[in-house]
Amino acid sequence: MGQLLDNLVGFPTITHVQREYTWGLSLPSLGLLVDGLVVGKYCQSVTLEQYDIAEIDEYKSGATKQFFAGKLDIATVNMTFICPVPDLVQLYFVKWKKQIVSSSGFYNPSNSYKKDIFIILFDRSGIPSNMVQLKNCFPIKFPQYNLTYEGSNVLKYTVDFKVDTIHMGIKAAGNAFAGILGGTSGVSNIFKNIVGSVGQGIGNIF
């Protein structure tokens, strides 16, 4: 049966599959000498989820049950960074923490530390194929050192983020482009050309 369907339909030849290693991360600019786009180059992995249905409402109808979607929940975003020399990653997140809590111990308004992070997916030829926007992000777990004389591995940091909303595809590319035009996206100038390429690539797909 499967072979029959393959003969009738076949595997799509005009598209190809997304590889898990072809992506780029753009962190927000914090006004440092080192831009967030540079720090993003040291990111080795990103784990994120879209909204999950965390609660299910039940309704009993006679002897049977009916189920309805309840509360939506979005998981913590995890990123792993390698430690460069000098340690630009640690410096970057120390600066971000100071935008959350001042040196006097007072919390700053959320609009001073909630920022957008963009992830760009590329195909194997290097053409942007999709974009993910992590809207209103801020770190909640900062880089920590795990040092030992018994190992020789590259030092890595794990940073956790809370995010309000995740947008994908044309919505994410449109928000990035609108932020660049309005000067509110906080992303690097280098990112402008990439955003335009992503929007064109996604438009060609859909």
Protein backbone atom coordinates (compact mmCIF):
# COMPACT_ATOMS: atom_id res chain seq x y z
CA MET A 1 0.00 0.00 0.00
CA GLY A 2 2.85 2.35 0.90
CA GLN A 3 4.63 1.68 -2.39
CA LEU A 4 1.41 2.27 -4.29
CA LEU A 5 0.96 5.64 -2.63
CA ASP A 6 4.58 6.49 -3.39
CA ASN A 7 3.99 5.74 -7.05
CA LEU A 8 0.86 7.89 -7.11
CA VAL A 9 2.03 10.75 -4.94
CA GLY A 10 5.77 10.40 -4.41
CA PHE A 11 7.97 12.30 -2.00
CA PRO A 12 7.96 16.06 -2.66
CA THR A 13 10.97 16.97 -4.80
CA ILE A 14 10.50 20.74 -4.86
CA THR A 15 11.32 21.06 -1.16
CA HIS A 16 13.87 19.56 1.21
CA VAL A 17 13.98 18.92 4.94
CA GLN A 18 15.22 21.36 7.58
CA ARG A 19 18.49 20.39 9.26
CA GLU A 20 18.75 20.85 13.02
CA TYR A 21 22.18 22.48 12.82
CA THR A 22 21.51 25.23 10.26
CA TRP A 23 20.31 28.21 12.29
CA GLY A 24 21.51 31.51 13.69
CA LEU A 25 20.70 33.42 16.88
CA SER A 26 20.33 37.19 17.21
CA LEU A 27 20.37 38.44 20.80
CA PRO A 28 19.27 42.02 21.57
CA SER A 29 21.75 44.86 21.61
CA LEU A 30 22.43 46.07 25.17
CA GLY A 31 24.58 49.06 24.28
CA LEU A 32 27.85 47.20 24.82
CA LEU A 33 30.92 47.34 22.61
CA VAL A 34 30.13 43.71 21.79
CA ASP A 35 26.77 43.41 20.06
CA GLY A 36 24.25 40.71 20.88
CA LEU A 37 24.67 39.26 17.39
CA VAL A 38 28.33 38.51 18.20
CA VAL A 39 27.46 36.87 21.54
CA GLY A 40 24.82 34.79 19.74
CA LYS A 41 27.58 33.17 17.67
CA TYR A 42 28.74 31.37 20.82
CA CYS A 43 25.33 29.74 21.31
CA GLN A 44 25.53 26.00 20.69
CA SER A 45 21.96 24.90 21.30
CA VAL A 46 18.47 26.29 21.85
CA THR A 47 15.50 24.41 23.30
CA LEU A 48 12.11 26.08 22.99
CA GLU A 49 8.47 25.10 22.78
CA GLN A 50 5.34 26.76 21.57
CA TYR A 51 2.26 27.03 23.76
CA ASP A 52 1.17 23.69 25.20
CA ILE A 53 -2.32 23.00 26.51
CA ALA A 54 -1.41 22.53 30.17
CA GLU A 55 -4.93 21.92 31.48
CA ILE A 56 -7.89 20.02 30.06
CA ASP A 57 -11.48 20.75 31.10
CA GLU A 58 -13.82 17.78 31.32
CA TYR A 59 -17.57 17.79 30.79
CA LYS A 60 -19.67 14.75 31.59
CA SER A 61 -22.51 14.08 29.19
CA GLY A 62 -24.47 11.06 30.34
CA ALA A 63 -22.13 8.07 30.49
CA THR A 64 -19.46 9.73 28.34
CA LYS A 65 -17.03 12.58 28.74
CA GLN A 66 -16.17 15.48 26.49
CA PHE A 67 -12.84 17.31 26.69
CA PHE A 68 -12.05 20.96 26.05
CA ALA A 69 -8.85 22.95 25.94
CA GLY A 70 -8.00 24.73 29.17
CA LYS A 71 -5.02 26.88 30.21
CA LEU A 72 -2.17 27.43 27.78
CA ASP A 73 1.38 27.30 29.09
CA ILE A 74 4.75 28.14 27.54
CA ALA A 75 7.92 26.45 28.73
CA THR A 76 11.22 28.02 29.76
CA VAL A 77 13.64 28.57 26.87
CA ASN A 78 17.08 27.02 27.39
CA MET A 79 20.27 28.11 25.61
CA THR A 80 23.80 26.72 25.88
CA PHE A 81 26.84 28.92 25.20
CA ILE A 82 30.53 28.13 24.98
CA CYS A 83 32.87 30.40 26.94
CA PRO A 84 35.17 32.56 24.80
CA VAL A 85 38.36 34.31 25.92
CA PRO A 86 37.85 37.07 26.91
CA ASP A 87 34.50 36.03 28.35
CA LEU A 88 32.10 38.15 26.31
CA VAL A 89 29.15 35.90 27.14
CA GLN A 90 29.44 36.44 30.89
CA LEU A 91 29.90 40.19 30.38
CA TYR A 92 26.80 40.34 28.17
CA PHE A 93 24.50 38.63 30.68
CA VAL A 94 25.89 40.62 33.62
CA LYS A 95 24.84 43.73 31.71
CA TRP A 96 21.39 42.26 31.09
CA LYS A 97 20.96 41.41 34.78
CA LYS A 98 21.76 45.01 35.72
CA GLN A 99 18.90 46.10 33.48
CA ILE A 100 16.58 43.84 35.52
CA VAL A 101 17.82 44.70 39.02
CA SER A 102 19.86 47.82 39.73
CA SER A 103 23.06 47.80 41.81
CA SER A 104 20.95 49.29 44.64
CA GLY A 105 18.64 46.26 44.60
CA PHE A 106 15.63 47.86 42.93
CA TYR A 107 13.72 46.28 40.04
CA ASN A 108 13.60 48.29 36.84
CA PRO A 109 10.43 48.61 34.70
CA SER A 110 9.85 45.55 32.55
CA ASN A 111 10.22 47.51 29.30
CA SER A 112 13.88 48.10 30.19
CA TYR A 113 14.80 44.41 30.38
CA LYS A 114 12.18 42.49 28.37
CA LYS A 115 13.62 42.16 24.87
CA ASP A 116 13.09 40.18 21.68
CA ILE A 117 15.34 37.33 20.52
CA PHE A 118 15.27 36.09 16.94
CA ILE A 119 16.27 32.68 15.61
CA ILE A 120 16.76 32.26 11.87
CA LEU A 121 16.57 28.84 10.22
CA PHE A 122 18.61 28.24 7.08
CA ASP A 123 18.47 25.49 4.49
CA ARG A 124 21.57 23.54 3.47
CA SER A 125 22.46 26.10 0.82
CA GLY A 126 22.46 28.93 3.40
CA ILE A 127 19.19 30.53 2.29
CA PRO A 128 16.96 31.73 5.19
CA SER A 129 13.88 29.50 5.35
CA ASN A 130 12.08 30.50 8.54
CA MET A 131 12.26 32.77 11.57
CA VAL A 132 11.28 32.45 15.23
CA GLN A 133 10.66 35.46 17.46
CA LEU A 134 10.91 35.09 21.23
CA LYS A 135 8.97 38.16 22.28
CA ASN A 136 9.56 39.89 25.61
CA CYS A 137 12.37 37.64 26.84
CA PHE A 138 14.61 38.03 29.86
CA PRO A 139 17.13 35.63 31.46
CA ILE A 140 16.23 33.96 34.76
CA LYS A 141 19.26 31.64 35.10
CA PHE A 142 22.67 33.13 34.38
CA PRO A 143 26.04 31.62 33.39
CA GLN A 144 27.72 29.58 36.11
CA TYR A 145 31.17 28.02 36.21
CA ASN A 146 31.75 24.27 36.41
CA LEU A 147 35.52 23.94 36.83
CA THR A 148 37.54 20.74 37.32
CA TYR A 149 41.13 19.61 36.86
CA GLU A 150 39.85 16.22 35.76
CA GLY A 151 38.43 17.35 32.45
CA SER A 152 39.54 19.16 29.30
CA ASN A 153 36.17 19.97 27.73
CA VAL A 154 35.18 23.41 26.52
CA LEU A 155 33.56 25.44 29.30
CA LYS A 156 29.84 25.88 28.62
CA TYR A 157 27.11 28.00 30.14
CA THR A 158 23.40 27.27 30.38
CA VAL A 159 21.10 30.28 30.37
CA ASP A 160 17.33 30.03 30.90
CA PHE A 161 14.83 32.59 29.63
CA LYS A 162 11.21 33.38 30.26
CA VAL A 163 9.23 34.50 27.23
CA ASP A 164 5.76 36.00 26.87
CA THR A 165 4.99 34.96 23.30
CA ILE A 166 6.57 33.01 20.44
CA HIS A 167 5.91 34.01 16.83
CA MET A 168 7.04 32.08 13.77
CA GLY A 169 7.23 32.55 10.01
CA ILE A 170 5.88 35.66 8.34
CA LYS A 171 4.63 37.08 11.66
CA ALA A 172 8.12 36.93 13.20
CA ALA A 173 9.83 38.35 10.09
CA GLY A 174 7.26 41.15 9.89
CA ASN A 175 7.76 42.08 13.55
CA ALA A 176 11.54 42.12 13.12
CA PHE A 177 11.28 44.34 10.04
CA ALA A 178 8.81 46.68 11.76
CA GLY A 179 11.11 46.92 14.77
CA ILE A 180 14.06 47.81 12.56
CA LEU A 181 12.09 50.54 10.80
CA GLY A 182 10.86 51.91 14.11
CA GLY A 183 14.22 51.57 15.81
CA THR A 184 12.77 49.45 18.62
CA SER A 185 13.93 45.93 17.79
CA GLY A 186 17.32 46.30 19.51
CA VAL A 187 18.98 43.99 17.00
CA SER A 188 22.24 44.55 15.19
CA ASN A 189 22.54 46.52 11.96
CA ILE A 190 23.93 43.36 10.36
CA PHE A 191 20.59 41.72 11.11
CA LYS A 192 18.69 44.06 8.79
CA ASN A 193 19.87 42.32 5.62
CA ILE A 194 19.08 38.90 7.08
CA VAL A 195 15.53 39.93 7.99
CA GLY A 196 14.88 41.04 4.42
CA SER A 197 16.16 37.71 3.08
CA VAL A 198 14.02 35.74 5.53
CA GLY A 199 10.88 37.65 4.58
CA GLN A 200 11.54 37.04 0.90
CA GLY A 201 12.29 33.35 1.46
CA ILE A 202 9.18 32.74 3.56
CA GLY A 203 7.08 34.64 1.05
CA ASN A 204 8.33 32.34 -1.70
CA ILE A 205 7.39 29.27 0.34
CA PHE A 206 3.88 30.37 1.32
